[in-house]
Amino acid sequence: RQIVLINFIAAAIGMLLFRHNDAHNFGTLPAAFVSIWMIETLDNWEELMQINMFGCDVYGYDEGSLARPCTASGARGFGWIAAAYFVFMVVLGGLVLPTVLIGIISVAFDDATRLVRLDALQVRRLLRIRL
């Protein structure tokens, strides 16, 4: 749940910052979620960063693999603000959140293993009582 909330907040901030410059990737909430997922999985995130750092009229979608025309009327680059946003999302979403997720899964497996062992111990005690 926390990961979804963090992704929602990041997508909303990305929409507020970049929707006029990069309407394709941050114009709607679903598109922003997909863009956040691209950033967190390190899939072509540097092109998204460059579009929003320099503006889609300067870098454009056709410079890299994102071949789309820049139709933004208010296209402008955000420079270091965009760089800080994308690097923060790479570090948080690409490095920190997976580690937290693995930790949560490990704790859940440990709890499940402990409950299975406790159930097995109770079954053995019941069998001893019956005999």
Foldseek 3Di string as FASTA:
>chain_A
DVVVVVLQVLLVVCLVQPCLQCVQQNVDSVSSSVLLVCLLQVNPVVLVLVCQQATCVVCNLCNDPSDDGGPRPPTGHPHPVSVVSSVVSNCCRNPPVVVVVVVVVVVVVVVVVVVVVVVVVVVVVVVVVVD
